[in-house]
C-alpha cells in the first residue's frame, strides 16, 4: 500500500513539473537583447551614461559647482581675515569656527569637492574618452591634477584652522591663521594660469568656460 502511495506521489510531482516548467522561447531572448541594447543607446545619447544629463547640462552643473566652491573659499578667507584682526580670543575662535564650518560643515567645501571629483571621474571621463567638446584625456588629466591639488590645499587649510581653535597662545593662533589663509588662496589659484598644480579653482573655471564655449 505504501509503495503504491509513493509511486502515486512521484507521478503527481512529475506531472506538475512538466506543466509548470518555465519555457523560454528563442525569440524572447532576442527581444530582451534588443531592449537592453536600445536602453544603453538611449542612455548614451541622452545623458552621458548613468547621470541622465547631456554634455551641456553636465557642463553647466560642473560650472555651478566650481562657482559655489569659489564662493566658499572666499568666505573662509574672509573669516580667517576677521580672526586675524579679532580683538580678543572669543572673537578669534568664533571666526575660526565659522571658517571651519564653511570648509568642512554639511554642504561645505569638502562636500562640494567630493561631488566635483565624482563628476570628473565619471561623466567628464566619458567626455574625454570620446573627445567631446574638444576634451582630450590629457585635458582631463590636467583637470584631475588641479582637483587633487585643490583638495590637498583645503585639507591643509582645515588642519591649520584646527590648530587655531586649539591654540592657547595668540602668537600660535595667528601663525596658523596665516598659514591656513595661504592654503586657501592657493586653492583659489590665479587667473590666466596654465599650470594645473597652481591654477586652483580659477584654473578649473577657465578650462570649463573654454569647453562650454566650444559647445555653442
Protein backbone atom coordinates (compact mmCIF):
# COMPACT_ATOMS: atom_id res chain seq x y z
CA UNK A 1 0.00 0.00 0.00
CA UNK A 2 2.81 2.38 0.99
CA UNK A 3 4.75 1.57 -2.19
CA UNK A 4 1.71 2.32 -4.34
CA UNK A 5 1.18 5.65 -2.49
CA UNK A 6 4.82 6.71 -3.03
CA UNK A 7 4.54 5.81 -6.70
CA UNK A 8 1.41 7.95 -6.99
CA UNK A 9 3.17 10.88 -5.30
CA UNK A 10 6.11 10.68 -7.69
CA UNK A 11 3.74 10.61 -10.64
CA UNK A 12 1.87 13.70 -9.44
CA UNK A 13 5.10 15.61 -8.85
CA UNK A 14 6.38 14.65 -12.30
CA UNK A 15 3.11 15.82 -13.86
CA UNK A 16 3.28 19.16 -12.03
CA UNK A 17 6.88 19.78 -13.07
CA UNK A 18 6.09 19.16 -16.74
CA UNK A 19 3.21 21.60 -16.70
CA UNK A 20 4.73 24.35 -14.55
CA UNK A 21 8.23 24.43 -16.05
CA UNK A 22 9.12 27.88 -17.45
CA UNK A 23 9.68 27.70 -21.16
CA UNK A 24 11.96 30.31 -22.71
CA UNK A 25 11.39 30.67 -26.40
CA UNK A 26 14.39 31.73 -28.51
CA UNK A 27 12.58 34.84 -29.76
CA UNK A 28 12.16 36.14 -26.19
CA UNK A 29 15.93 36.09 -25.72
CA UNK A 30 16.41 38.09 -28.92
CA UNK A 31 13.84 40.67 -27.85
CA UNK A 32 15.50 41.02 -24.44
CA UNK A 33 18.90 41.64 -26.01
CA UNK A 34 17.47 44.26 -28.36
CA UNK A 35 15.72 46.07 -25.50
CA UNK A 36 18.92 46.18 -23.45
CA UNK A 37 20.88 47.49 -26.44
CA UNK A 38 18.31 50.22 -27.14
CA UNK A 39 18.26 51.22 -23.48
CA UNK A 40 22.04 51.54 -23.48
CA UNK A 41 21.91 53.65 -26.66
CA UNK A 42 19.32 55.98 -25.13
CA UNK A 43 21.48 56.43 -22.03
CA UNK A 44 24.48 57.27 -24.18
CA UNK A 45 22.67 59.73 -26.44
CA UNK A 46 20.59 61.38 -23.79
CA UNK A 47 22.78 61.52 -20.80
CA UNK A 48 26.42 60.55 -20.63
CA UNK A 49 25.85 57.20 -19.00
CA UNK A 50 24.03 56.96 -15.69
CA UNK A 51 23.93 60.70 -14.98
CA UNK A 52 20.92 61.28 -17.22
CA UNK A 53 22.43 64.59 -18.39
CA UNK A 54 23.54 65.66 -21.83
CA UNK A 55 27.05 67.17 -22.10
CA UNK A 56 25.85 70.77 -21.99
CA UNK A 57 23.71 70.22 -18.89
CA UNK A 58 26.58 68.40 -17.25
CA UNK A 59 28.98 71.25 -18.00
CA UNK A 60 26.51 73.75 -16.57
CA UNK A 61 26.23 71.73 -13.38
CA UNK A 62 30.01 71.46 -13.12
CA UNK A 63 30.34 75.22 -13.56
CA UNK A 64 27.80 75.81 -10.78
CA UNK A 65 29.83 73.54 -8.54
CA UNK A 66 33.02 75.44 -9.25
CA UNK A 67 31.31 78.80 -8.63
CA UNK A 68 29.96 77.53 -5.32
CA UNK A 69 33.40 76.27 -4.32
CA UNK A 70 34.98 79.62 -5.21
CA UNK A 71 32.39 81.40 -3.07
CA UNK A 72 33.01 79.06 -0.14
CA UNK A 73 36.77 79.54 -0.25
CA UNK A 74 36.40 83.31 -0.42
CA UNK A 75 34.03 83.19 2.55
CA UNK A 76 36.51 81.11 4.53
CA UNK A 77 39.30 83.56 3.69
CA UNK A 78 37.12 86.43 4.94
CA UNK A 79 36.56 84.65 8.25
CA UNK A 80 40.26 83.96 8.60
CA UNK A 81 40.94 87.64 7.94
CA UNK A 82 38.42 88.59 10.63
CA UNK A 83 40.04 86.12 13.00
CA UNK A 84 43.46 87.70 12.41
CA UNK A 85 42.02 91.10 13.38
CA UNK A 86 39.95 89.87 16.32
CA UNK A 87 40.36 91.99 19.47
CA UNK A 88 40.03 89.02 21.81
CA UNK A 89 40.21 85.24 21.94
CA UNK A 90 36.43 84.59 21.83
CA UNK A 91 36.10 86.65 18.62
CA UNK A 92 39.09 84.89 17.09
CA UNK A 93 37.63 81.48 17.97
CA UNK A 94 34.24 82.48 16.56
CA UNK A 95 35.60 83.37 13.12
CA UNK A 96 37.94 80.37 13.05
CA UNK A 97 34.96 78.10 13.75
CA UNK A 98 32.94 79.81 11.01
CA UNK A 99 35.80 79.22 8.57
CA UNK A 100 35.87 75.56 9.59
CA UNK A 101 32.11 75.25 9.09
CA UNK A 102 32.38 76.67 5.57
CA UNK A 103 35.11 74.20 4.69
CA UNK A 104 34.05 71.05 6.49
CA UNK A 105 30.44 71.56 7.57
CA UNK A 106 27.39 69.98 5.94
CA UNK A 107 27.30 71.09 2.31
CA UNK A 108 30.66 72.79 2.81
CA UNK A 109 33.75 72.92 0.65
CA UNK A 110 34.82 69.34 1.37
CA UNK A 111 31.41 68.02 0.30
CA UNK A 112 31.46 70.18 -2.81
CA UNK A 113 34.89 68.91 -3.81
CA UNK A 114 33.79 65.29 -3.44
CA UNK A 115 30.82 65.91 -5.72
CA UNK A 116 33.04 67.60 -8.27
CA UNK A 117 35.52 64.72 -8.11
CA UNK A 118 32.74 62.21 -8.80
CA UNK A 119 31.71 64.27 -11.81
CA UNK A 120 35.31 64.34 -13.07
CA UNK A 121 35.84 60.60 -12.62
CA UNK A 122 32.51 59.68 -14.21
CA UNK A 123 30.81 61.80 -16.90
CA UNK A 124 33.82 64.04 -17.55
CA UNK A 125 35.99 60.97 -18.08
CA UNK A 126 33.46 59.71 -20.63
CA UNK A 127 33.65 63.03 -22.45
CA UNK A 128 37.43 62.87 -22.58
CA UNK A 129 37.43 59.30 -23.87
CA UNK A 130 35.03 60.27 -26.65
CA UNK A 131 36.78 63.57 -27.41
CA UNK A 132 33.59 65.53 -26.84
CA UNK A 133 33.73 69.36 -26.73
CA UNK A 134 37.41 69.13 -27.66
CA UNK A 135 38.26 67.48 -24.34
CA UNK A 136 41.17 65.07 -24.56
CA UNK A 137 42.49 62.61 -21.98
CA UNK A 138 45.42 64.97 -21.42
CA UNK A 139 42.95 67.76 -20.74
CA UNK A 140 41.08 65.54 -18.29
CA UNK A 141 44.32 64.55 -16.55
CA UNK A 142 45.23 68.20 -16.05
CA UNK A 143 41.83 68.97 -14.57
CA UNK A 144 42.09 65.98 -12.23
CA UNK A 145 45.55 67.19 -11.15
CA UNK A 146 44.07 70.61 -10.39
CA UNK A 147 41.25 68.98 -8.43
CA UNK A 148 43.61 66.88 -6.33
CA UNK A 149 45.83 69.88 -5.62
CA UNK A 150 42.83 71.93 -4.52
CA UNK A 151 41.70 69.13 -2.22
CA UNK A 152 45.17 68.99 -0.66
CA UNK A 153 45.11 72.76 -0.14
CA UNK A 154 41.69 72.63 1.50
CA UNK A 155 42.80 69.78 3.76
CA UNK A 156 45.91 71.75 4.72
CA UNK A 157 43.80 74.83 5.48
CA UNK A 158 41.49 72.76 7.68
CA UNK A 159 44.42 71.42 9.66
CA UNK A 160 45.62 74.96 10.33
CA UNK A 161 42.11 76.05 11.35
CA UNK A 162 42.04 73.17 13.84
CA UNK A 163 45.35 74.40 15.24
CA UNK A 164 43.88 77.90 15.59
CA UNK A 165 40.94 76.52 17.56
CA UNK A 166 43.25 74.57 19.86
CA UNK A 167 45.94 77.24 20.29
CA UNK A 168 46.49 78.51 23.81
CA UNK A 169 48.65 81.45 22.73
CA UNK A 170 47.71 84.34 20.46
CA UNK A 171 51.00 84.11 18.59
CA UNK A 172 50.40 80.43 17.78
CA UNK A 173 46.86 81.11 16.61
CA UNK A 174 47.97 83.98 14.39
CA UNK A 175 50.67 81.88 12.77
CA UNK A 176 48.18 79.15 11.85
CA UNK A 177 45.72 81.75 10.61
CA UNK A 178 48.41 83.00 8.26
CA UNK A 179 49.34 79.52 7.05
CA UNK A 180 45.71 78.47 6.66
CA UNK A 181 44.95 81.57 4.63
CA UNK A 182 47.88 80.83 2.34
CA UNK A 183 46.45 77.35 1.70
CA UNK A 184 43.04 78.81 0.91
CA UNK A 185 44.50 81.34 -1.51
CA UNK A 186 46.39 78.52 -3.21
CA UNK A 187 43.08 76.68 -3.61
CA UNK A 188 41.69 79.77 -5.31
CA UNK A 189 44.61 79.97 -7.73
CA UNK A 190 45.13 82.82 -10.14
CA UNK A 191 43.61 83.92 -13.43
CA UNK A 192 45.44 83.01 -16.62
CA UNK A 193 47.45 80.18 -15.04
CA UNK A 194 48.26 77.24 -17.32
CA UNK A 195 49.67 75.08 -14.53
CA UNK A 196 47.04 72.72 -13.07
CA UNK A 197 49.11 72.38 -9.89
CA UNK A 198 48.96 76.09 -9.10
CA UNK A 199 45.92 77.30 -11.03
CA UNK A 200 43.42 76.15 -8.41
CA UNK A 201 39.69 76.67 -8.77
CA UNK A 202 40.27 79.61 -11.09
CA UNK A 203 42.09 77.30 -13.50
CA UNK A 204 39.20 74.83 -13.39
CA UNK A 205 36.66 77.55 -14.07
CA UNK A 206 38.62 78.94 -17.02
CA UNK A 207 39.06 75.47 -18.51
CA UNK A 208 35.35 74.76 -18.09
CA UNK A 209 34.45 78.11 -19.65
CA UNK A 210 36.56 77.30 -22.71
CA UNK A 211 34.91 73.91 -23.08
CA UNK A 212 31.43 75.43 -22.83
CA UNK A 213 32.41 77.96 -25.48
CA UNK A 214 33.20 75.12 -27.91
CA UNK A 215 29.73 73.69 -27.41
CA UNK A 216 27.94 76.81 -28.73
